[in-house]
Amino acid sequence: MEAQQPPFPVVRSGLPLSAPFDWLRRGAADLKTCGFASLFYGLCFAGTGILLLLAFRHAVQLVTAVTTGFMLVGPFFAIGLYELSRRREAGEALDLAATLAVWRRNLAAIGIYSLILIVLYLVWARASLVMFALFYQGGMPTLESFMAQILRFDNLEFLLAYLVVGAIFASLVFAFSVVSIPLMLDRNQDAVTAMLASFLALVRNLPMMLVWAALIVALTAVGVATAFIGLVFLMPLVGHATWHAYRALIDPLPA
């Protein structure tokens, strides 16, 4: 006999603009309590960023695509952080080992969602190369010359095109990942329902969600700008805060 599917989530609306700051405050409390278990995931984010930079340092068009694209799949890599927040909320042991394979709890749905993220990641990587080919002037740069041009605001047409295309991909990922993995993790929800609920959460709370998106971008930028070291602390903070975003945006199941 097949297990009964959970009902479509009830998405709240009208959350205040200050809500994301409360999520970050709660996320910081989770980070402090979980300690190394949280920082382990931050180290994974930072370590992956550094390895990507070293691997592609002579191909800046790939560095930018891979580094920014890596952030597109961040919601999946933060699944262990969601589980730590859930465990703290439920009074369960904050055991790192128990979170490493938590994706198995709803393998089919999380697998479908991850596949969608990977496809978007690959399309973004290709789009990034196209942006360099079409708009970048002066041939493929080194990482040093590329950063120098950004700081001098040279190649404005390229920067504008790159930011616009990147924003489109980031917006798509954000729209369908606001609460999707926490829903799949917490309620065994299917991927399509979880993504639709995320989209509804965005639409029904658009001004507040724009604040939340801006905070995520700002914190990620700080983490990258600090040679990825800041990601050790900032990515766990965002991951834990995302769990509290889920709790604030989705009504609990009736008892």
C-alpha atoms as a PDB file:
ATOM      1  CA  MET A   1       0.000   0.000   0.000  1.00  0.00           C
ATOM      2  CA  GLU A   2       1.442   3.384  -1.013  1.00  0.00           C
ATOM      3  CA  ALA A   3       2.157   5.958   1.660  1.00  0.00           C
ATOM      4  CA  GLN A   4      -0.291   8.849   1.657  1.00  0.00           C
ATOM      5  CA  GLN A   5       1.141  12.068   0.274  1.00  0.00           C
ATOM      6  CA  PRO A   6       1.126  15.038   2.662  1.00  0.00           C
ATOM      7  CA  PRO A   7      -1.334  17.829   1.777  1.00  0.00           C
ATOM      8  CA  PHE A   8      -0.235  20.883  -0.163  1.00  0.00           C
ATOM      9  CA  PRO A   9       1.508  23.246   2.298  1.00  0.00           C
ATOM     10  CA  VAL A  10      -0.383  26.257   3.586  1.00  0.00           C
ATOM     11  CA  VAL A  11       1.798  29.241   2.711  1.00  0.00           C
ATOM     12  CA  ARG A  12       1.572  32.295   4.936  1.00  0.00           C
ATOM     13  CA  SER A  13       1.495  35.856   3.613  1.00  0.00           C
ATOM     14  CA  GLY A  14       2.038  39.336   4.964  1.00  0.00           C
ATOM     15  CA  LEU A  15       5.248  38.682   6.883  1.00  0.00           C
ATOM     16  CA  PRO A  16       6.979  41.923   7.962  1.00  0.00           C
ATOM     17  CA  LEU A  17      10.094  43.265   6.247  1.00  0.00           C
ATOM     18  CA  SER A  18      12.008  42.633   9.470  1.00  0.00           C
ATOM     19  CA  ALA A  19      11.369  38.866   9.344  1.00  0.00           C
ATOM     20  CA  PRO A  20      14.674  37.953   7.604  1.00  0.00           C
ATOM     21  CA  PHE A  21      16.642  39.667  10.365  1.00  0.00           C
ATOM     22  CA  ASP A  22      14.805  37.525  12.918  1.00  0.00           C
ATOM     23  CA  TRP A  23      15.678  34.420  10.889  1.00  0.00           C
ATOM     24  CA  LEU A  24      19.337  35.422  10.936  1.00  0.00           C
ATOM     25  CA  ARG A  25      19.170  35.986  14.683  1.00  0.00           C
ATOM     26  CA  ARG A  26      17.698  32.535  15.189  1.00  0.00           C
ATOM     27  CA  GLY A  27      20.209  31.082  12.750  1.00  0.00           C
ATOM     28  CA  ALA A  28      23.053  32.630  14.729  1.00  0.00           C
ATOM     29  CA  ALA A  29      21.698  30.956  17.871  1.00  0.00           C
ATOM     30  CA  ASP A  30      21.653  27.599  16.043  1.00  0.00           C
ATOM     31  CA  LEU A  31      25.206  28.169  14.818  1.00  0.00           C
ATOM     32  CA  LYS A  32      26.409  28.934  18.329  1.00  0.00           C
ATOM     33  CA  THR A  33      24.691  25.874  19.798  1.00  0.00           C
ATOM     34  CA  CYS A  34      25.645  23.409  17.054  1.00  0.00           C
ATOM     35  CA  GLY A  35      29.283  24.514  17.062  1.00  0.00           C
ATOM     36  CA  PHE A  36      31.610  22.352  14.996  1.00  0.00           C
ATOM     37  CA  ALA A  37      28.750  20.437  13.372  1.00  0.00           C
ATOM     38  CA  SER A  38      27.665  23.699  11.704  1.00  0.00           C
ATOM     39  CA  LEU A  39      31.181  24.941  11.018  1.00  0.00           C
ATOM     40  CA  PHE A  40      31.987  21.661   9.265  1.00  0.00           C
ATOM     41  CA  TYR A  41      29.545  22.604   6.503  1.00  0.00           C
ATOM     42  CA  GLY A  42      30.976  26.112   6.401  1.00  0.00           C
ATOM     43  CA  LEU A  43      34.445  24.632   5.963  1.00  0.00           C
ATOM     44  CA  CYS A  44      33.112  22.528   3.085  1.00  0.00           C
ATOM     45  CA  PHE A  45      31.705  25.640   1.371  1.00  0.00           C
ATOM     46  CA  ALA A  46      34.930  27.596   1.863  1.00  0.00           C
ATOM     47  CA  GLY A  47      37.179  24.691   0.908  1.00  0.00           C
ATOM     48  CA  THR A  48      35.249  24.002  -2.269  1.00  0.00           C
ATOM     49  CA  GLY A  49      35.427  27.682  -3.261  1.00  0.00           C
ATOM     50  CA  ILE A  50      39.187  27.787  -2.709  1.00  0.00           C
ATOM     51  CA  LEU A  51      39.746  24.562  -4.655  1.00  0.00           C
ATOM     52  CA  LEU A  52      37.688  25.858  -7.570  1.00  0.00           C
ATOM     53  CA  LEU A  53      39.648  29.096  -7.605  1.00  0.00           C
ATOM     54  CA  LEU A  54      42.968  27.259  -7.608  1.00  0.00           C
ATOM     55  CA  ALA A  55      41.856  24.777 -10.250  1.00  0.00           C
ATOM     56  CA  PHE A  56      40.634  27.438 -12.702  1.00  0.00           C
ATOM     57  CA  ARG A  57      42.820  30.420 -11.773  1.00  0.00           C
ATOM     58  CA  HIS A  58      44.196  30.634 -15.332  1.00  0.00           C
ATOM     59  CA  ALA A  59      40.739  30.634 -16.923  1.00  0.00           C
ATOM     60  CA  VAL A  60      38.801  33.514 -15.427  1.00  0.00           C
ATOM     61  CA  GLN A  61      35.780  32.838 -17.600  1.00  0.00           C
ATOM     62  CA  LEU A  62      35.506  29.482 -15.849  1.00  0.00           C
ATOM     63  CA  VAL A  63      36.351  30.858 -12.399  1.00  0.00           C
ATOM     64  CA  THR A  64      33.398  33.234 -12.481  1.00  0.00           C
ATOM     65  CA  ALA A  65      31.030  30.626 -13.895  1.00  0.00           C
ATOM     66  CA  VAL A  66      32.025  27.863 -11.504  1.00  0.00           C
ATOM     67  CA  THR A  67      32.246  30.057  -8.404  1.00  0.00           C
ATOM     68  CA  THR A  68      28.938  31.819  -8.904  1.00  0.00           C
ATOM     69  CA  GLY A  69      27.327  28.645 -10.193  1.00  0.00           C
ATOM     70  CA  PHE A  70      28.459  26.848  -7.062  1.00  0.00           C
ATOM     71  CA  MET A  71      26.262  29.232  -5.093  1.00  0.00           C
ATOM     72  CA  LEU A  72      23.285  28.170  -7.223  1.00  0.00           C
ATOM     73  CA  VAL A  73      23.522  24.646  -5.827  1.00  0.00           C
ATOM     74  CA  GLY A  74      24.115  25.940  -2.299  1.00  0.00           C
ATOM     75  CA  PRO A  75      20.557  25.094  -1.117  1.00  0.00           C
ATOM     76  CA  PHE A  76      21.302  21.405  -1.615  1.00  0.00           C
ATOM     77  CA  PHE A  77      24.697  21.534   0.090  1.00  0.00           C
ATOM     78  CA  ALA A  78      23.079  23.189   3.115  1.00  0.00           C
ATOM     79  CA  ILE A  79      20.745  20.252   3.763  1.00  0.00           C
ATOM     80  CA  GLY A  80      22.796  19.137   6.764  1.00  0.00           C
ATOM     81  CA  LEU A  81      22.370  22.587   8.303  1.00  0.00           C
ATOM     82  CA  TYR A  82      18.598  22.362   7.952  1.00  0.00           C
ATOM     83  CA  GLU A  83      18.697  19.021   9.723  1.00  0.00           C
ATOM     84  CA  LEU A  84      20.793  20.451  12.563  1.00  0.00           C
ATOM     85  CA  SER A  85      18.242  23.226  13.073  1.00  0.00           C
ATOM     86  CA  ARG A  86      15.410  20.691  12.999  1.00  0.00           C
ATOM     87  CA  ARG A  87      17.198  18.549  15.563  1.00  0.00           C
ATOM     88  CA  ARG A  88      17.826  21.496  17.865  1.00  0.00           C
ATOM     89  CA  GLU A  89      14.177  22.485  17.575  1.00  0.00           C
ATOM     90  CA  ALA A  90      13.066  18.931  18.406  1.00  0.00           C
ATOM     91  CA  GLY A  91      15.535  18.541  21.267  1.00  0.00           C
ATOM     92  CA  GLU A  92      17.451  15.769  19.490  1.00  0.00           C
ATOM     93  CA  ALA A  93      21.208  15.178  19.590  1.00  0.00           C
ATOM     94  CA  LEU A  94      23.211  17.613  17.429  1.00  0.00           C
ATOM     95  CA  ASP A  95      25.282  14.861  15.872  1.00  0.00           C
ATOM     96  CA  LEU A  96      27.203  15.705  12.699  1.00  0.00           C
ATOM     97  CA  ALA A  97      27.320  12.090  11.529  1.00  0.00           C
ATOM     98  CA  ALA A  98      23.527  11.841  11.580  1.00  0.00           C
ATOM     99  CA  THR A  99      23.218  14.780   9.172  1.00  0.00           C
ATOM    100  CA  LEU A 100      25.688  13.629   6.524  1.00  0.00           C
ATOM    101  CA  ALA A 101      23.265  11.304   4.763  1.00  0.00           C
ATOM    102  CA  VAL A 102      19.982  12.961   5.738  1.00  0.00           C
ATOM    103  CA  TRP A 103      19.115  13.342   2.051  1.00  0.00           C
ATOM    104  CA  ARG A 104      18.272   9.629   2.058  1.00  0.00           C
ATOM    105  CA  ARG A 105      15.136  10.425   4.064  1.00  0.00           C
ATOM    106  CA  ASN A 106      13.395  11.593   0.875  1.00  0.00           C
ATOM    107  CA  LEU A 107      15.796  10.389  -1.780  1.00  0.00           C
ATOM    108  CA  ALA A 108      13.480  10.548  -4.786  1.00  0.00           C
ATOM    109  CA  ALA A 109      12.260  14.121  -4.246  1.00  0.00           C
ATOM    110  CA  ILE A 110      15.626  15.542  -3.211  1.00  0.00           C
ATOM    111  CA  GLY A 111      17.248  13.712  -6.128  1.00  0.00           C
ATOM    112  CA  ILE A 112      14.838  15.318  -8.628  1.00  0.00           C
ATOM    113  CA  TYR A 113      15.369  18.736  -7.087  1.00  0.00           C
ATOM    114  CA  SER A 114      19.161  18.298  -7.154  1.00  0.00           C
ATOM    115  CA  LEU A 115      19.042  17.258 -10.800  1.00  0.00           C
ATOM    116  CA  ILE A 116      17.149  20.454 -11.645  1.00  0.00           C
ATOM    117  CA  LEU A 117      19.779  22.523  -9.808  1.00  0.00           C
ATOM    118  CA  ILE A 118      22.604  20.748 -11.625  1.00  0.00           C
ATOM    119  CA  VAL A 119      20.967  21.417 -14.998  1.00  0.00           C
ATOM    120  CA  LEU A 120      20.605  25.113 -14.126  1.00  0.00           C
ATOM    121  CA  TYR A 121      24.224  25.129 -12.969  1.00  0.00           C
ATOM    122  CA  LEU A 122      25.452  23.679 -16.265  1.00  0.00           C
ATOM    123  CA  VAL A 123      23.305  26.050 -18.326  1.00  0.00           C
ATOM    124  CA  TRP A 124      24.635  28.987 -16.300  1.00  0.00           C
ATOM    125  CA  ALA A 125      28.236  27.847 -16.869  1.00  0.00           C
ATOM    126  CA  ARG A 126      27.577  27.785 -20.623  1.00  0.00           C
ATOM    127  CA  ALA A 127      25.813  31.155 -20.503  1.00  0.00           C
ATOM    128  CA  SER A 128      28.790  32.618 -18.640  1.00  0.00           C
ATOM    129  CA  LEU A 129      31.153  31.528 -21.403  1.00  0.00           C
ATOM    130  CA  VAL A 130      28.808  33.035 -23.996  1.00  0.00           C
ATOM    131  CA  MET A 131      28.787  36.336 -22.083  1.00  0.00           C
ATOM    132  CA  PHE A 132      32.590  36.459 -22.191  1.00  0.00           C
ATOM    133  CA  ALA A 133      32.661  35.584 -25.888  1.00  0.00           C
ATOM    134  CA  LEU A 134      30.048  38.158 -26.895  1.00  0.00           C
ATOM    135  CA  PHE A 135      30.691  41.110 -24.614  1.00  0.00           C
ATOM    136  CA  TYR A 136      34.185  40.934 -23.129  1.00  0.00           C
ATOM    137  CA  GLN A 137      36.663  43.184 -24.938  1.00  0.00           C
ATOM    138  CA  GLY A 138      40.355  42.476 -25.314  1.00  0.00           C
ATOM    139  CA  GLY A 139      40.442  38.681 -25.278  1.00  0.00           C
ATOM    140  CA  MET A 140      40.205  36.331 -22.315  1.00  0.00           C
ATOM    141  CA  PRO A 141      41.762  38.030 -19.265  1.00  0.00           C
ATOM    142  CA  THR A 142      43.736  36.691 -16.326  1.00  0.00           C
ATOM    143  CA  LEU A 143      42.028  36.709 -12.954  1.00  0.00           C
ATOM    144  CA  GLU A 144      44.173  39.653 -11.836  1.00  0.00           C
ATOM    145  CA  SER A 145      43.384  41.790 -14.876  1.00  0.00           C
ATOM    146  CA  PHE A 146      39.704  40.865 -14.685  1.00  0.00           C
ATOM    147  CA  MET A 147      39.440  41.980 -11.059  1.00  0.00           C
ATOM    148  CA  ALA A 148      41.336  45.182 -11.882  1.00  0.00           C
ATOM    149  CA  GLN A 149      38.874  45.977 -14.682  1.00  0.00           C
ATOM    150  CA  ILE A 150      35.916  45.390 -12.375  1.00  0.00           C
ATOM    151  CA  LEU A 151      37.365  47.771  -9.777  1.00  0.00           C
ATOM    152  CA  ARG A 152      37.926  50.416 -12.489  1.00  0.00           C
ATOM    153  CA  PHE A 153      34.435  49.794 -13.952  1.00  0.00           C
ATOM    154  CA  ASP A 154      35.901  49.017 -17.371  1.00  0.00           C
ATOM    155  CA  ASN A 155      33.917  46.906 -19.845  1.00  0.00           C
ATOM    156  CA  LEU A 156      30.617  48.185 -18.488  1.00  0.00           C
ATOM    157  CA  GLU A 157      28.615  46.497 -21.262  1.00  0.00           C
ATOM    158  CA  PHE A 158      30.046  43.135 -20.270  1.00  0.00           C
ATOM    159  CA  LEU A 159      29.465  43.728 -16.559  1.00  0.00           C
ATOM    160  CA  LEU A 160      25.859  44.756 -17.168  1.00  0.00           C
ATOM    161  CA  ALA A 161      25.126  41.759 -19.417  1.00  0.00           C
ATOM    162  CA  TYR A 162      26.819  39.363 -17.011  1.00  0.00           C
ATOM    163  CA  LEU A 163      24.927  40.711 -14.008  1.00  0.00           C
ATOM    164  CA  VAL A 164      21.574  40.613 -15.798  1.00  0.00           C
ATOM    165  CA  VAL A 165      21.987  37.017 -16.993  1.00  0.00           C
ATOM    166  CA  GLY A 166      23.373  35.935 -13.627  1.00  0.00           C
ATOM    167  CA  ALA A 167      20.470  37.593 -11.839  1.00  0.00           C
ATOM    168  CA  ILE A 168      17.991  35.667 -14.005  1.00  0.00           C
ATOM    169  CA  PHE A 169      19.525  32.325 -13.036  1.00  0.00           C
ATOM    170  CA  ALA A 170      19.852  33.316  -9.374  1.00  0.00           C
ATOM    171  CA  SER A 171      16.213  34.481  -9.299  1.00  0.00           C
ATOM    172  CA  LEU A 172      15.008  31.181 -10.720  1.00  0.00           C
ATOM    173  CA  VAL A 173      16.926  29.210  -8.119  1.00  0.00           C
ATOM    174  CA  PHE A 174      15.801  31.483  -5.305  1.00  0.00           C
ATOM    175  CA  ALA A 175      12.149  31.357  -6.341  1.00  0.00           C
ATOM    176  CA  PHE A 176      12.043  27.562  -6.233  1.00  0.00           C
ATOM    177  CA  SER A 177      14.341  26.956  -3.253  1.00  0.00           C
ATOM    178  CA  VAL A 178      13.059  29.294  -0.521  1.00  0.00           C
ATOM    179  CA  VAL A 179      11.531  26.460   1.490  1.00  0.00           C
ATOM    180  CA  SER A 180      11.715  23.489  -0.876  1.00  0.00           C
ATOM    181  CA  ILE A 181      14.402  21.334   0.751  1.00  0.00           C
ATOM    182  CA  PRO A 182      13.184  21.953   4.324  1.00  0.00           C
ATOM    183  CA  LEU A 183       9.718  20.868   3.124  1.00  0.00           C
ATOM    184  CA  MET A 184      11.077  17.720   1.506  1.00  0.00           C
ATOM    185  CA  LEU A 185      13.163  17.002   4.591  1.00  0.00           C
ATOM    186  CA  ASP A 186      10.530  17.733   7.221  1.00  0.00           C
ATOM    187  CA  ARG A 187       7.338  16.440   5.565  1.00  0.00           C
ATOM    188  CA  ASN A 188       8.562  14.008   2.922  1.00  0.00           C
ATOM    189  CA  GLN A 189       6.993  16.354   0.334  1.00  0.00           C
ATOM    190  CA  ASP A 190       7.514  15.688  -3.365  1.00  0.00           C
ATOM    191  CA  ALA A 191       9.833  17.978  -5.329  1.00  0.00           C
ATOM    192  CA  VAL A 192       7.201  19.654  -7.523  1.00  0.00           C
ATOM    193  CA  THR A 193       4.940  20.526  -4.586  1.00  0.00           C
ATOM    194  CA  ALA A 194       7.875  21.815  -2.554  1.00  0.00           C
ATOM    195  CA  MET A 195       9.063  24.033  -5.408  1.00  0.00           C
ATOM    196  CA  LEU A 196       5.552  25.387  -6.031  1.00  0.00           C
ATOM    197  CA  ALA A 197       5.195  26.173  -2.332  1.00  0.00           C
ATOM    198  CA  SER A 198       8.497  28.044  -2.472  1.00  0.00           C
ATOM    199  CA  PHE A 199       7.281  30.067  -5.438  1.00  0.00           C
ATOM    200  CA  LEU A 200       4.045  30.910  -3.625  1.00  0.00           C
ATOM    201  CA  ALA A 201       6.005  31.965  -0.543  1.00  0.00           C
ATOM    202  CA  LEU A 202       7.980  34.347  -2.726  1.00  0.00           C
ATOM    203  CA  VAL A 203       4.936  35.793  -4.512  1.00  0.00           C
ATOM    204  CA  ARG A 204       2.854  36.246  -1.366  1.00  0.00           C
ATOM    205  CA  ASN A 205       5.677  37.954   0.533  1.00  0.00           C
ATOM    206  CA  LEU A 206       7.545  39.643  -2.321  1.00  0.00           C
ATOM    207  CA  PRO A 207       8.877  42.805  -0.577  1.00  0.00           C
ATOM    208  CA  MET A 208      10.079  40.825   2.427  1.00  0.00           C
ATOM    209  CA  MET A 209      11.579  38.092   0.246  1.00  0.00           C
ATOM    210  CA  LEU A 210      13.515  40.719  -1.722  1.00  0.00           C
ATOM    211  CA  VAL A 211      15.060  41.794   1.582  1.00  0.00           C
ATOM    212  CA  TRP A 212      15.917  38.165   2.336  1.00  0.00           C
ATOM    213  CA  ALA A 213      17.461  37.686  -1.123  1.00  0.00           C
ATOM    214  CA  ALA A 214      19.522  40.871  -0.731  1.00  0.00           C
ATOM    215  CA  LEU A 215      20.811  39.661   2.635  1.00  0.00           C
ATOM    216  CA  ILE A 216      21.821  36.295   1.169  1.00  0.00           C
ATOM    217  CA  VAL A 217      23.643  37.998  -1.725  1.00  0.00           C
ATOM    218  CA  ALA A 218      25.394  40.428   0.624  1.00  0.00           C
ATOM    219  CA  LEU A 219      26.508  37.719   3.053  1.00  0.00           C
ATOM    220  CA  THR A 220      27.704  35.498   0.203  1.00  0.00           C
ATOM    221  CA  ALA A 221      29.614  38.412  -1.347  1.00  0.00           C
ATOM    222  CA  VAL A 222      31.327  39.125   1.974  1.00  0.00           C
ATOM    223  CA  GLY A 223      32.253  35.462   2.266  1.00  0.00           C
ATOM    224  CA  VAL A 224      33.777  35.360  -1.223  1.00  0.00           C
ATOM    225  CA  ALA A 225      35.491  38.750  -0.830  1.00  0.00           C
ATOM    226  CA  THR A 226      37.297  37.493   2.282  1.00  0.00           C
ATOM    227  CA  ALA A 227      39.069  34.830   0.191  1.00  0.00           C
ATOM    228  CA  PHE A 228      36.225  32.428   1.027  1.00  0.00           C
ATOM    229  CA  ILE A 229      37.184  32.387   4.726  1.00  0.00           C
ATOM    230  CA  GLY A 230      34.016  34.250   5.684  1.00  0.00           C
ATOM    231  CA  LEU A 231      31.960  31.432   4.169  1.00  0.00           C
ATOM    232  CA  VAL A 232      33.001  29.225   7.076  1.00  0.00           C
ATOM    233  CA  PHE A 233      30.662  31.231   9.308  1.00  0.00           C
ATOM    234  CA  LEU A 234      28.288  32.955   6.911  1.00  0.00           C
ATOM    235  CA  MET A 235      27.050  29.920   4.977  1.00  0.00           C
ATOM    236  CA  PRO A 236      26.037  28.041   8.159  1.00  0.00           C
ATOM    237  CA  LEU A 237      24.338  31.237   9.323  1.00  0.00           C
ATOM    238  CA  VAL A 238      22.293  31.449   6.093  1.00  0.00           C
ATOM    239  CA  GLY A 239      21.570  27.715   6.149  1.00  0.00           C
ATOM    240  CA  HIS A 240      20.217  27.748   9.693  1.00  0.00           C
ATOM    241  CA  ALA A 241      18.261  30.941   8.975  1.00  0.00           C
ATOM    242  CA  THR A 242      16.649  29.225   5.968  1.00  0.00           C
ATOM    243  CA  TRP A 243      15.168  26.616   8.289  1.00  0.00           C
ATOM    244  CA  HIS A 244      13.571  29.378  10.341  1.00  0.00           C
ATOM    245  CA  ALA A 245      12.343  30.993   7.114  1.00  0.00           C
ATOM    246  CA  TYR A 246      10.590  27.708   6.364  1.00  0.00           C
ATOM    247  CA  ARG A 247       8.976  27.647   9.800  1.00  0.00           C
ATOM    248  CA  ALA A 248       7.789  31.239   9.401  1.00  0.00           C
ATOM    249  CA  LEU A 249       6.454  30.844   5.853  1.00  0.00           C
ATOM    250  CA  ILE A 250       4.701  27.464   6.072  1.00  0.00           C
ATOM    251  CA  ASP A 251       1.901  26.576   8.474  1.00  0.00           C
ATOM    252  CA  PRO A 252       2.607  23.463  10.562  1.00  0.00           C
ATOM    253  CA  LEU A 253       0.668  20.311   9.791  1.00  0.00           C
ATOM    254  CA  PRO A 254      -2.482  19.910  11.877  1.00  0.00           C
ATOM    255  CA  ALA A 255      -2.025  17.651  14.883  1.00  0.00           C
END
